[in-house]
Each structure stands twice: as C-alpha cells, then as structure tokens.
Amino acid sequence: MHTPSRAPLNATLGVFIGDINMNETQRKILIATACVVALMVIFPPYIVENYRGVTIMAGYGFLFDLPSYAMQSGSSIPSSVDVKTLLVQIFGAAVVGGLAFLAAKR
C-alpha cells in the first residue's frame, strides 16, 4: 500500500503562485509593503459630507473610531471611509513595492 507523501508548504504554494525564488532583500521588501498596506487599511482616509454631498471634513483616522463632524445645532455627521482614495493608495503602494521587489532581484 502506497502512502501519499506530504509536500512542503512552499511546494504546495508554488502550484498557485508559481516557482518564486526570492532573496533576503526581496523578502524584506515584500514584508514592508504588506505592513504599509495593512497600516493604510487600519488608518484609512475618511470624509464627512453634508446632505448636499459637499466634503466638509477629511483626514485619516483609526478604522474603528472615525471622527464625526459636530454641527452648531448639536447634531453630528458621521464620517465614512474614502474608499476611492484608499484604493488608489493601496495600488500605489503595490506598484512601488512591486518595482522595488523586481529591482532587488539581483
């Protein structure tokens, strides 16, 4: 009876992402890029828009505690994550990280 051998994790992942051989510098760049993207998601850009859709406040805040805009009447307008800006930032970080990864191939 033949017992199937267990392939190492790298060989298993290689099926999905191809045969990736990276040096130590590339590994550091990959980890740094992932950390930057994680921080972008944890502290995303936010906007506060009034009822007309005009942005009255913007900035960056902790994902689970975004600020709200206090109006003079005592009510407040909640902020929301500016998804468009966040996606552009993530794309930019991925491009820079990818170029640095490829440049460190030597």
PDB file of N, CA and C in Angstrom:
ATOM      1  N   MET A   1       0.836  -1.179   0.000  1.00  0.00           N
ATOM      2  CA  MET A   1       0.000   0.000   0.000  1.00  0.00           C
ATOM      3  C   MET A   1       0.883   1.245   0.000  1.00  0.00           C
ATOM      4  N   HIS A   2       0.600   2.172  -0.897  1.00  0.00           N
ATOM      5  CA  HIS A   2       1.394   3.391  -1.033  1.00  0.00           C
ATOM      6  C   HIS A   2       0.777   4.506  -0.190  1.00  0.00           C
ATOM      7  N   THR A   3       1.604   5.112   0.654  1.00  0.00           N
ATOM      8  CA  THR A   3       1.154   6.236   1.471  1.00  0.00           C
ATOM      9  C   THR A   3       1.565   7.523   0.772  1.00  0.00           C
ATOM     10  N   PRO A   4       0.612   8.424   0.505  1.00  0.00           N
ATOM     11  CA  PRO A   4       0.983   9.658  -0.182  1.00  0.00           C
ATOM     12  C   PRO A   4       1.893  10.506   0.705  1.00  0.00           C
ATOM     13  N   SER A   5       2.918  11.080   0.098  1.00  0.00           N
ATOM     14  CA  SER A   5       3.831  11.929   0.866  1.00  0.00           C
ATOM     15  C   SER A   5       3.233  13.330   0.980  1.00  0.00           C
ATOM     16  N   ARG A   6       3.576  13.969   2.064  1.00  0.00           N
ATOM     17  CA  ARG A   6       3.101  15.332   2.269  1.00  0.00           C
ATOM     18  C   ARG A   6       4.120  16.308   1.701  1.00  0.00           C
ATOM     19  N   ALA A   7       3.684  17.118   0.778  1.00  0.00           N
ATOM     20  CA  ALA A   7       4.584  18.098   0.167  1.00  0.00           C
ATOM     21  C   ALA A   7       4.788  19.262   1.123  1.00  0.00           C
ATOM     22  N   PRO A   8       5.979  19.834   1.135  1.00  0.00           N
ATOM     23  CA  PRO A   8       6.186  21.009   1.983  1.00  0.00           C
ATOM     24  C   PRO A   8       5.295  22.163   1.526  1.00  0.00           C
ATOM     25  N   LEU A   9       5.075  23.087   2.447  1.00  0.00           N
ATOM     26  CA  LEU A   9       4.171  24.211   2.167  1.00  0.00           C
ATOM     27  C   LEU A   9       4.633  25.015   0.968  1.00  0.00           C
ATOM     28  N   ASN A  10       5.932  25.249   0.840  1.00  0.00           N
ATOM     29  CA  ASN A  10       6.432  26.030  -0.294  1.00  0.00           C
ATOM     30  C   ASN A  10       6.101  25.369  -1.615  1.00  0.00           C
ATOM     31  N   ALA A  11       6.215  24.053  -1.681  1.00  0.00           N
ATOM     32  CA  ALA A  11       5.896  23.341  -2.921  1.00  0.00           C
ATOM     33  C   ALA A  11       4.408  23.428  -3.209  1.00  0.00           C
ATOM     34  N   THR A  12       3.597  23.351  -2.163  1.00  0.00           N
ATOM     35  CA  THR A  12       2.150  23.446  -2.345  1.00  0.00           C
ATOM     36  C   THR A  12       1.758  24.837  -2.822  1.00  0.00           C
ATOM     37  N   LEU A  13       2.328  25.870  -2.205  1.00  0.00           N
ATOM     38  CA  LEU A  13       2.021  27.233  -2.623  1.00  0.00           C
ATOM     39  C   LEU A  13       2.569  27.524  -4.007  1.00  0.00           C
ATOM     40  N   GLY A  14       3.667  26.851  -4.371  1.00  0.00           N
ATOM     41  CA  GLY A  14       4.256  27.057  -5.685  1.00  0.00           C
ATOM     42  C   GLY A  14       3.306  26.701  -6.808  1.00  0.00           C
ATOM     43  N   VAL A  15       2.380  25.797  -6.562  1.00  0.00           N
ATOM     44  CA  VAL A  15       1.384  25.442  -7.564  1.00  0.00           C
ATOM     45  C   VAL A  15       0.497  26.640  -7.878  1.00  0.00           C
ATOM     46  N   PHE A  16       0.200  27.440  -6.861  1.00  0.00           N
ATOM     47  CA  PHE A  16      -0.717  28.564  -7.044  1.00  0.00           C
ATOM     48  C   PHE A  16      -0.012  29.834  -7.504  1.00  0.00           C
ATOM     49  N   ILE A  17       1.176  30.090  -6.999  1.00  0.00           N
ATOM     50  CA  ILE A  17       1.839  31.356  -7.323  1.00  0.00           C
ATOM     51  C   ILE A  17       3.079  31.176  -8.173  1.00  0.00           C
ATOM     52  N   GLY A  18       3.325  29.998  -8.646  1.00  0.00           N
ATOM     53  CA  GLY A  18       4.482  29.750  -9.485  1.00  0.00           C
ATOM     54  C   GLY A  18       5.723  29.513  -8.635  1.00  0.00           C
ATOM     55  N   ASP A  19       6.804  29.252  -9.304  1.00  0.00           N
ATOM     56  CA  ASP A  19       8.064  28.991  -8.603  1.00  0.00           C
ATOM     57  C   ASP A  19       8.731  30.328  -8.302  1.00  0.00           C
ATOM     58  N   ILE A  20       8.568  30.800  -7.078  1.00  0.00           N
ATOM     59  CA  ILE A  20       9.128  32.083  -6.686  1.00  0.00           C
ATOM     60  C   ILE A  20      10.350  31.851  -5.821  1.00  0.00           C
ATOM     61  N   ASN A  21      11.481  32.277  -6.334  1.00  0.00           N
ATOM     62  CA  ASN A  21      12.710  32.249  -5.560  1.00  0.00           C
ATOM     63  C   ASN A  21      13.057  33.691  -5.254  1.00  0.00           C
ATOM     64  N   MET A  22      13.084  34.027  -3.984  1.00  0.00           N
ATOM     65  CA  MET A  22      13.394  35.407  -3.633  1.00  0.00           C
ATOM     66  C   MET A  22      14.562  35.444  -2.668  1.00  0.00           C
ATOM     67  N   ASN A  23      15.334  36.507  -2.781  1.00  0.00           N
ATOM     68  CA  ASN A  23      16.454  36.681  -1.875  1.00  0.00           C
ATOM     69  C   ASN A  23      15.979  37.410  -0.608  1.00  0.00           C
ATOM     70  N   GLU A  24      16.882  37.612   0.309  1.00  0.00           N
ATOM     71  CA  GLU A  24      16.542  38.219   1.593  1.00  0.00           C
ATOM     72  C   GLU A  24      16.017  39.652   1.429  1.00  0.00           C
ATOM     73  N   THR A  25      16.611  40.413   0.529  1.00  0.00           N
ATOM     74  CA  THR A  25      16.160  41.793   0.296  1.00  0.00           C
ATOM     75  C   THR A  25      14.737  41.806  -0.245  1.00  0.00           C
ATOM     76  N   GLN A  26      14.445  40.925  -1.168  1.00  0.00           N
ATOM     77  CA  GLN A  26      13.092  40.863  -1.718  1.00  0.00           C
ATOM     78  C   GLN A  26      12.084  40.470  -0.644  1.00  0.00           C
ATOM     79  N   ARG A  27      12.461  39.559   0.220  1.00  0.00           N
ATOM     80  CA  ARG A  27      11.573  39.155   1.306  1.00  0.00           C
ATOM     81  C   ARG A  27      11.272  40.342   2.226  1.00  0.00           C
ATOM     82  N   LYS A  28      12.292  41.138   2.535  1.00  0.00           N
ATOM     83  CA  LYS A  28      12.094  42.323   3.386  1.00  0.00           C
ATOM     84  C   LYS A  28      11.186  43.346   2.700  1.00  0.00           C
ATOM     85  N   ILE A  29      11.372  43.519   1.399  1.00  0.00           N
ATOM     86  CA  ILE A  29      10.526  44.463   0.651  1.00  0.00           C
ATOM     87  C   ILE A  29       9.080  43.988   0.652  1.00  0.00           C
ATOM     88  N   LEU A  30       8.879  42.700   0.457  1.00  0.00           N
ATOM     89  CA  LEU A  30       7.531  42.139   0.462  1.00  0.00           C
ATOM     90  C   LEU A  30       6.858  42.324   1.819  1.00  0.00           C
ATOM     91  N   ILE A  31       7.588  42.075   2.892  1.00  0.00           N
ATOM     92  CA  ILE A  31       7.041  42.253   4.244  1.00  0.00           C
ATOM     93  C   ILE A  31       6.752  43.722   4.515  1.00  0.00           C
ATOM     94  N   ALA A  32       7.670  44.609   4.118  1.00  0.00           N
ATOM     95  CA  ALA A  32       7.462  46.048   4.337  1.00  0.00           C
ATOM     96  C   ALA A  32       6.246  46.558   3.564  1.00  0.00           C
ATOM     97  N   THR A  33       6.092  46.100   2.325  1.00  0.00           N
ATOM     98  CA  THR A  33       4.935  46.516   1.522  1.00  0.00           C
ATOM     99  C   THR A  33       3.637  46.024   2.156  1.00  0.00           C
ATOM    100  N   ALA A  34       3.633  44.799   2.640  1.00  0.00           N
ATOM    101  CA  ALA A  34       2.436  44.264   3.302  1.00  0.00           C
ATOM    102  C   ALA A  34       2.118  45.051   4.571  1.00  0.00           C
ATOM    103  N   CYS A  35       3.136  45.444   5.319  1.00  0.00           N
ATOM    104  CA  CYS A  35       2.915  46.246   6.537  1.00  0.00           C
ATOM    105  C   CYS A  35       2.361  47.625   6.195  1.00  0.00           C
ATOM    106  N   VAL A  36       2.885  48.238   5.149  1.00  0.00           N
ATOM    107  CA  VAL A  36       2.392  49.561   4.738  1.00  0.00           C
ATOM    108  C   VAL A  36       0.928  49.471   4.319  1.00  0.00           C
ATOM    109  N   VAL A  37       0.576  48.456   3.538  1.00  0.00           N
ATOM    110  CA  VAL A  37      -0.818  48.290   3.108  1.00  0.00           C
ATOM    111  C   VAL A  37      -1.715  48.019   4.312  1.00  0.00           C
ATOM    112  N   ALA A  38      -1.241  47.218   5.261  1.00  0.00           N
ATOM    113  CA  ALA A  38      -2.033  46.949   6.469  1.00  0.00           C
ATOM    114  C   ALA A  38      -2.274  48.232   7.256  1.00  0.00           C
ATOM    115  N   LEU A  39      -1.260  49.072   7.390  1.00  0.00           N
ATOM    116  CA  LEU A  39      -1.440  50.353   8.086  1.00  0.00           C
ATOM    117  C   LEU A  39      -2.404  51.264   7.335  1.00  0.00           C
ATOM    118  N   MET A  40      -2.358  51.223   6.009  1.00  0.00           N
ATOM    119  CA  MET A  40      -3.301  52.027   5.218  1.00  0.00           C
ATOM    120  C   MET A  40      -4.737  51.599   5.484  1.00  0.00           C
ATOM    121  N   VAL A  41      -4.945  50.307   5.665  1.00  0.00           N
ATOM    122  CA  VAL A  41      -6.301  49.811   5.918  1.00  0.00           C
ATOM    123  C   VAL A  41      -6.721  50.111   7.356  1.00  0.00           C
ATOM    124  N   ILE A  42      -5.803  50.006   8.307  1.00  0.00           N
ATOM    125  CA  ILE A  42      -6.129  50.259   9.714  1.00  0.00           C
ATOM    126  C   ILE A  42      -6.387  51.743   9.957  1.00  0.00           C
ATOM    127  N   PHE A  43      -5.653  52.620   9.263  1.00  0.00           N
ATOM    128  CA  PHE A  43      -5.836  54.070   9.392  1.00  0.00           C
ATOM    129  C   PHE A  43      -6.217  54.651   8.033  1.00  0.00           C
ATOM    130  N   PRO A  44      -7.455  54.415   7.584  1.00  0.00           N
ATOM    131  CA  PRO A  44      -7.849  54.823   6.230  1.00  0.00           C
ATOM    132  C   PRO A  44      -8.187  56.316   6.155  1.00  0.00           C
ATOM    133  N   PRO A  45      -8.213  56.846   4.935  1.00  0.00           N
ATOM    134  CA  PRO A  45      -8.696  58.213   4.762  1.00  0.00           C
ATOM    135  C   PRO A  45     -10.210  58.240   4.974  1.00  0.00           C
ATOM    136  N   TYR A  46     -10.687  59.310   5.576  1.00  0.00           N
ATOM    137  CA  TYR A  46     -12.131  59.437   5.783  1.00  0.00           C
ATOM    138  C   TYR A  46     -12.603  60.781   5.259  1.00  0.00           C
ATOM    139  N   ILE A  47     -13.886  60.850   5.014  1.00  0.00           N
ATOM    140  CA  ILE A  47     -14.512  62.104   4.602  1.00  0.00           C
ATOM    141  C   ILE A  47     -15.825  62.260   5.357  1.00  0.00           C
ATOM    142  N   VAL A  48     -16.208  63.509   5.528  1.00  0.00           N
ATOM    143  CA  VAL A  48     -17.519  63.840   6.080  1.00  0.00           C
ATOM    144  C   VAL A  48     -18.191  64.719   5.044  1.00  0.00           C
ATOM    145  N   GLU A  49     -19.340  64.270   4.570  1.00  0.00           N
ATOM    146  CA  GLU A  49     -20.077  65.022   3.563  1.00  0.00           C
ATOM    147  C   GLU A  49     -21.396  65.501   4.146  1.00  0.00           C
ATOM    148  N   ASN A  50     -21.787  66.726   3.760  1.00  0.00           N
ATOM    149  CA  ASN A  50     -23.086  67.224   4.215  1.00  0.00           C
ATOM    150  C   ASN A  50     -24.191  66.651   3.327  1.00  0.00           C
ATOM    151  N   TYR A  51     -25.396  67.055   3.563  1.00  0.00           N
ATOM    152  CA  TYR A  51     -26.539  66.489   2.829  1.00  0.00           C
ATOM    153  C   TYR A  51     -26.501  66.797   1.337  1.00  0.00           C
ATOM    154  N   ARG A  52     -25.712  67.772   0.928  1.00  0.00           N
ATOM    155  CA  ARG A  52     -25.584  68.104  -0.490  1.00  0.00           C
ATOM    156  C   ARG A  52     -24.455  67.322  -1.165  1.00  0.00           C
ATOM    157  N   GLY A  53     -23.710  66.553  -0.383  1.00  0.00           N
ATOM    158  CA  GLY A  53     -22.594  65.798  -0.934  1.00  0.00           C
ATOM    159  C   GLY A  53     -21.295  66.564  -0.972  1.00  0.00           C
ATOM    160  N   VAL A  54     -21.259  67.714  -0.292  1.00  0.00           N
ATOM    161  CA  VAL A  54     -20.047  68.533  -0.253  1.00  0.00           C
ATOM    162  C   VAL A  54     -19.176  68.049   0.909  1.00  0.00           C
ATOM    163  N   THR A  55     -17.908  67.808   0.630  1.00  0.00           N
ATOM    164  CA  THR A  55     -16.991  67.358   1.678  1.00  0.00           C
ATOM    165  C   THR A  55     -16.677  68.528   2.601  1.00  0.00           C
ATOM    166  N   ILE A  56     -16.962  68.359   3.897  1.00  0.00           N
ATOM    167  CA  ILE A  56     -16.721  69.426   4.859  1.00  0.00           C
ATOM    168  C   ILE A  56     -15.574  69.109   5.812  1.00  0.00           C
ATOM    169  N   MET A  57     -15.129  67.854   5.800  1.00  0.00           N
ATOM    170  CA  MET A  57     -14.003  67.483   6.642  1.00  0.00           C
ATOM    171  C   MET A  57     -13.380  66.221   6.059  1.00  0.00           C
ATOM    172  N   ALA A  58     -12.055  66.140   6.134  1.00  0.00           N
ATOM    173  CA  ALA A  58     -11.362  64.962   5.625  1.00  0.00           C
ATOM    174  C   ALA A  58     -10.087  64.766   6.422  1.00  0.00           C
ATOM    175  N   GLY A  59      -9.591  63.543   6.413  1.00  0.00           N
ATOM    176  CA  GLY A  59      -8.355  63.249   7.111  1.00  0.00           C
ATOM    177  C   GLY A  59      -8.137  61.758   7.190  1.00  0.00           C
ATOM    178  N   TYR A  60      -7.358  61.356   8.168  1.00  0.00           N
ATOM    179  CA  TYR A  60      -7.078  59.943   8.403  1.00  0.00           C
ATOM    180  C   TYR A  60      -7.451  59.621   9.831  1.00  0.00           C
ATOM    181  N   GLY A  61      -7.954  58.431  10.056  1.00  0.00           N
ATOM    182  CA  GLY A  61      -8.353  58.038  11.403  1.00  0.00           C
ATOM    183  C   GLY A  61      -8.327  56.538  11.571  1.00  0.00           C
ATOM    184  N   PHE A  62      -8.394  56.106  12.816  1.00  0.00           N
ATOM    185  CA  PHE A  62      -8.429  54.686  13.128  1.00  0.00           C
ATOM    186  C   PHE A  62      -9.723  54.099  12.590  1.00  0.00           C
ATOM    187  N   LEU A  63      -9.640  52.963  11.935  1.00  0.00           N
ATOM    188  CA  LEU A  63     -10.767  52.358  11.239  1.00  0.00           C
ATOM    189  C   LEU A  63     -11.996  52.187  12.125  1.00  0.00           C
ATOM    190  N   PHE A  64     -11.798  51.799  13.380  1.00  0.00           N
ATOM    191  CA  PHE A  64     -12.933  51.515  14.256  1.00  0.00           C
ATOM    192  C   PHE A  64     -13.349  52.704  15.112  1.00  0.00           C
ATOM    193  N   ASP A  65     -12.739  53.864  14.885  1.00  0.00           N
ATOM    194  CA  ASP A  65     -13.085  55.059  15.663  1.00  0.00           C
ATOM    195  C   ASP A  65     -12.930  56.307  14.806  1.00  0.00           C
ATOM    196  N   LEU A  66     -13.634  56.345  13.685  1.00  0.00           N
ATOM    197  CA  LEU A  66     -13.551  57.507  12.804  1.00  0.00           C
ATOM    198  C   LEU A  66     -14.271  58.695  13.440  1.00  0.00           C
ATOM    199  N   PRO A  67     -13.724  59.903  13.303  1.00  0.00           N
ATOM    200  CA  PRO A  67     -14.352  61.064  13.929  1.00  0.00           C
ATOM    201  C   PRO A  67     -15.634  61.475  13.216  1.00  0.00           C
ATOM    202  N   SER A  68     -16.448  62.217  13.914  1.00  0.00           N
ATOM    203  CA  SER A  68     -17.652  62.777  13.300  1.00  0.00           C
ATOM    204  C   SER A  68     -17.562  64.293  13.369  1.00  0.00           C
ATOM    205  N   TYR A  69     -18.331  64.947  12.539  1.00  0.00           N
ATOM    206  CA  TYR A  69     -18.329  66.407  12.479  1.00  0.00           C
ATOM    207  C   TYR A  69     -19.477  66.936  13.322  1.00  0.00           C
ATOM    208  N   ALA A  70     -19.141  67.729  14.332  1.00  0.00           N
ATOM    209  CA  ALA A  70     -20.167  68.298  15.210  1.00  0.00           C
ATOM    210  C   ALA A  70     -20.679  69.600  14.600  1.00  0.00           C
ATOM    211  N   MET A  71     -21.971  69.640  14.369  1.00  0.00           N
ATOM    212  CA  MET A  71     -22.585  70.836  13.806  1.00  0.00           C
ATOM    213  C   MET A  71     -22.971  71.799  14.925  1.00  0.00           C
ATOM    214  N   GLN A  72     -23.231  73.058  14.572  1.00  0.00           N
ATOM    215  CA  GLN A  72     -23.611  74.059  15.562  1.00  0.00           C
ATOM    216  C   GLN A  72     -24.948  73.740  16.208  1.00  0.00           C
ATOM    217  N   SER A  73     -25.788  72.994  15.515  1.00  0.00           N
ATOM    218  CA  SER A  73     -27.107  72.669  16.048  1.00  0.00           C
ATOM    219  C   SER A  73     -27.040  71.585  17.125  1.00  0.00           C
ATOM    220  N   GLY A  74     -25.866  71.011  17.326  1.00  0.00           N
ATOM    221  CA  GLY A  74     -25.710  69.971  18.326  1.00  0.00           C
ATOM    222  C   GLY A  74     -25.711  68.569  17.744  1.00  0.00           C
ATOM    223  N   SER A  75     -26.171  68.433  16.522  1.00  0.00           N
ATOM    224  CA  SER A  75     -26.143  67.110  15.897  1.00  0.00           C
ATOM    225  C   SER A  75     -24.758  66.882  15.279  1.00  0.00           C
ATOM    226  N   SER A  76     -24.525  65.669  14.869  1.00  0.00           N
ATOM    227  CA  SER A  76     -23.228  65.373  14.257  1.00  0.00           C
ATOM    228  C   SER A  76     -23.433  64.566  12.989  1.00  0.00           C
ATOM    229  N   ILE A  77     -22.468  64.702  12.086  1.00  0.00           N
ATOM    230  CA  ILE A  77     -22.495  63.975  10.828  1.00  0.00           C
ATOM    231  C   ILE A  77     -21.387  62.923  10.907  1.00  0.00           C
ATOM    232  N   PRO A  78     -21.715  61.655  10.762  1.00  0.00           N
ATOM    233  CA  PRO A  78     -20.664  60.628  10.840  1.00  0.00           C
ATOM    234  C   PRO A  78     -19.758  60.663   9.612  1.00  0.00           C
ATOM    235  N   SER A  79     -18.540  60.247   9.813  1.00  0.00           N
ATOM    236  CA  SER A  79     -17.614  60.167   8.686  1.00  0.00           C
ATOM    237  C   SER A  79     -17.667  58.771   8.079  1.00  0.00           C
ATOM    238  N   SER A  80     -17.142  58.669   6.874  1.00  0.00           N
ATOM    239  CA  SER A  80     -17.088  57.372   6.202  1.00  0.00           C
ATOM    240  C   SER A  80     -15.726  57.227   5.541  1.00  0.00           C
ATOM    241  N   VAL A  81     -15.332  55.997   5.331  1.00  0.00           N
ATOM    242  CA  VAL A  81     -14.042  55.724   4.694  1.00  0.00           C
ATOM    243  C   VAL A  81     -14.107  56.175   3.241  1.00  0.00           C
ATOM    244  N   ASP A  82     -13.087  56.903   2.819  1.00  0.00           N
ATOM    245  CA  ASP A  82     -12.982  57.338   1.430  1.00  0.00           C
ATOM    246  C   ASP A  82     -12.348  56.189   0.635  1.00  0.00           C
ATOM    247  N   VAL A  83     -13.196  55.316   0.143  1.00  0.00           N
ATOM    248  CA  VAL A  83     -12.743  54.078  -0.484  1.00  0.00           C
ATOM    249  C   VAL A  83     -11.930  54.354  -1.746  1.00  0.00           C
ATOM    250  N   LYS A  84     -12.325  55.340  -2.530  1.00  0.00           N
ATOM    251  CA  LYS A  84     -11.595  55.646  -3.764  1.00  0.00           C
ATOM    252  C   LYS A  84     -10.148  56.008  -3.460  1.00  0.00           C
ATOM    253  N   THR A  85      -9.955  56.900  -2.501  1.00  0.00           N
ATOM    254  CA  THR A  85      -8.606  57.307  -2.131  1.00  0.00           C
ATOM    255  C   THR A  85      -7.822  56.142  -1.554  1.00  0.00           C
ATOM    256  N   LEU A  86      -8.463  55.335  -0.727  1.00  0.00           N
ATOM    257  CA  LEU A  86      -7.796  54.180  -0.128  1.00  0.00           C
ATOM    258  C   LEU A  86      -7.327  53.202  -1.205  1.00  0.00           C
ATOM    259  N   LEU A  87      -8.169  52.936  -2.198  1.00  0.00           N
ATOM    260  CA  LEU A  87      -7.774  52.018  -3.275  1.00  0.00           C
ATOM    261  C   LEU A  87      -6.623  52.572  -4.105  1.00  0.00           C
ATOM    262  N   VAL A  88      -6.621  53.878  -4.348  1.00  0.00           N
ATOM    263  CA  VAL A  88      -5.512  54.495  -5.081  1.00  0.00           C
ATOM    264  C   VAL A  88      -4.220  54.377  -4.278  1.00  0.00           C
ATOM    265  N   GLN A  89      -4.307  54.591  -2.967  1.00  0.00           N
ATOM    266  CA  GLN A  89      -3.123  54.480  -2.124  1.00  0.00           C
ATOM    267  C   GLN A  89      -2.594  53.049  -2.098  1.00  0.00           C
ATOM    268  N   ILE A  90      -3.483  52.079  -1.978  1.00  0.00           N
ATOM    269  CA  ILE A  90      -3.064  50.675  -1.964  1.00  0.00           C
ATOM    270  C   ILE A  90      -2.436  50.301  -3.303  1.00  0.00           C
ATOM    271  N   PHE A  91      -3.033  50.752  -4.392  1.00  0.00           N
ATOM    272  CA  PHE A  91      -2.477  50.488  -5.713  1.00  0.00           C
ATOM    273  C   PHE A  91      -1.083  51.098  -5.841  1.00  0.00           C
ATOM    274  N   GLY A  92      -0.925  52.332  -5.376  1.00  0.00           N
ATOM    275  CA  GLY A  92       0.382  52.994  -5.429  1.00  0.00           C
ATOM    276  C   GLY A  92       1.431  52.263  -4.612  1.00  0.00           C
ATOM    277  N   ALA A  93       1.055  51.830  -3.412  1.00  0.00           N
ATOM    278  CA  ALA A  93       1.993  51.085  -2.566  1.00  0.00           C
ATOM    279  C   ALA A  93       2.363  49.755  -3.220  1.00  0.00           C
ATOM    280  N   ALA A  94       1.399  49.102  -3.853  1.00  0.00           N
ATOM    281  CA  ALA A  94       1.666  47.828  -4.519  1.00  0.00           C
ATOM    282  C   ALA A  94       2.596  48.016  -5.715  1.00  0.00           C
ATOM    283  N   VAL A  95       2.399  49.089  -6.462  1.00  0.00           N
ATOM    284  CA  VAL A  95       3.266  49.360  -7.617  1.00  0.00           C
ATOM    285  C   VAL A  95       4.694  49.654  -7.151  1.00  0.00           C
ATOM    286  N   VAL A  96       4.837  50.524  -6.155  1.00  0.00           N
ATOM    287  CA  VAL A  96       6.171  50.863  -5.645  1.00  0.00           C
ATOM    288  C   VAL A  96       6.841  49.618  -5.049  1.00  0.00           C
ATOM    289  N   GLY A  97       6.080  48.869  -4.261  1.00  0.00           N
ATOM    290  CA  GLY A  97       6.625  47.647  -3.681  1.00  0.00           C
ATOM    291  C   GLY A  97       7.000  46.627  -4.743  1.00  0.00           C
ATOM    292  N   GLY A  98       6.167  46.497  -5.766  1.00  0.00           N
ATOM    293  CA  GLY A  98       6.458  45.569  -6.855  1.00  0.00           C
ATOM    294  C   GLY A  98       7.701  45.961  -7.642  1.00  0.00           C
ATOM    295  N   LEU A  99       7.834  47.255  -7.921  1.00  0.00           N
ATOM    296  CA  LEU A  99       9.029  47.724  -8.630  1.00  0.00           C
ATOM    297  C   LEU A  99      10.283  47.529  -7.793  1.00  0.00           C
ATOM    298  N   ALA A 100      10.181  47.818  -6.491  1.00  0.00           N
ATOM    299  CA  ALA A 100      11.332  47.603  -5.592  1.00  0.00           C
ATOM    300  C   ALA A 100      11.667  46.114  -5.514  1.00  0.00           C
ATOM    301  N   PHE A 101      10.653  45.264  -5.486  1.00  0.00           N
ATOM    302  CA  PHE A 101      10.852  43.816  -5.453  1.00  0.00           C
ATOM    303  C   PHE A 101      11.606  43.357  -6.700  1.00  0.00           C
ATOM    304  N   LEU A 102      11.182  43.847  -7.864  1.00  0.00           N
ATOM    305  CA  LEU A 102      11.841  43.464  -9.107  1.00  0.00           C
ATOM    306  C   LEU A 102      13.257  44.046  -9.209  1.00  0.00           C
ATOM    307  N   ALA A 103      13.451  45.258  -8.710  1.00  0.00           N
ATOM    308  CA  ALA A 103      14.767  45.891  -8.749  1.00  0.00           C
ATOM    309  C   ALA A 103      15.762  45.169  -7.844  1.00  0.00           C
ATOM    310  N   ALA A 104      15.276  44.539  -6.786  1.00  0.00           N
ATOM    311  CA  ALA A 104      16.151  43.843  -5.843  1.00  0.00           C
ATOM    312  C   ALA A 104      16.433  42.409  -6.273  1.00  0.00           C
ATOM    313  N   LYS A 105      16.074  42.060  -7.485  1.00  0.00           N
ATOM    314  CA  LYS A 105      16.230  40.693  -7.965  1.00  0.00           C
ATOM    315  C   LYS A 105      17.699  40.292  -8.085  1.00  0.00           C
ATOM    316  N   ARG A 106      18.548  41.249  -8.300  1.00  0.00           N
ATOM    317  CA  ARG A 106      19.974  40.949  -8.491  1.00  0.00           C
ATOM    318  C   ARG A 106      20.663  40.581  -7.245  1.00  0.00           C
TER     319      ARG A 106
END
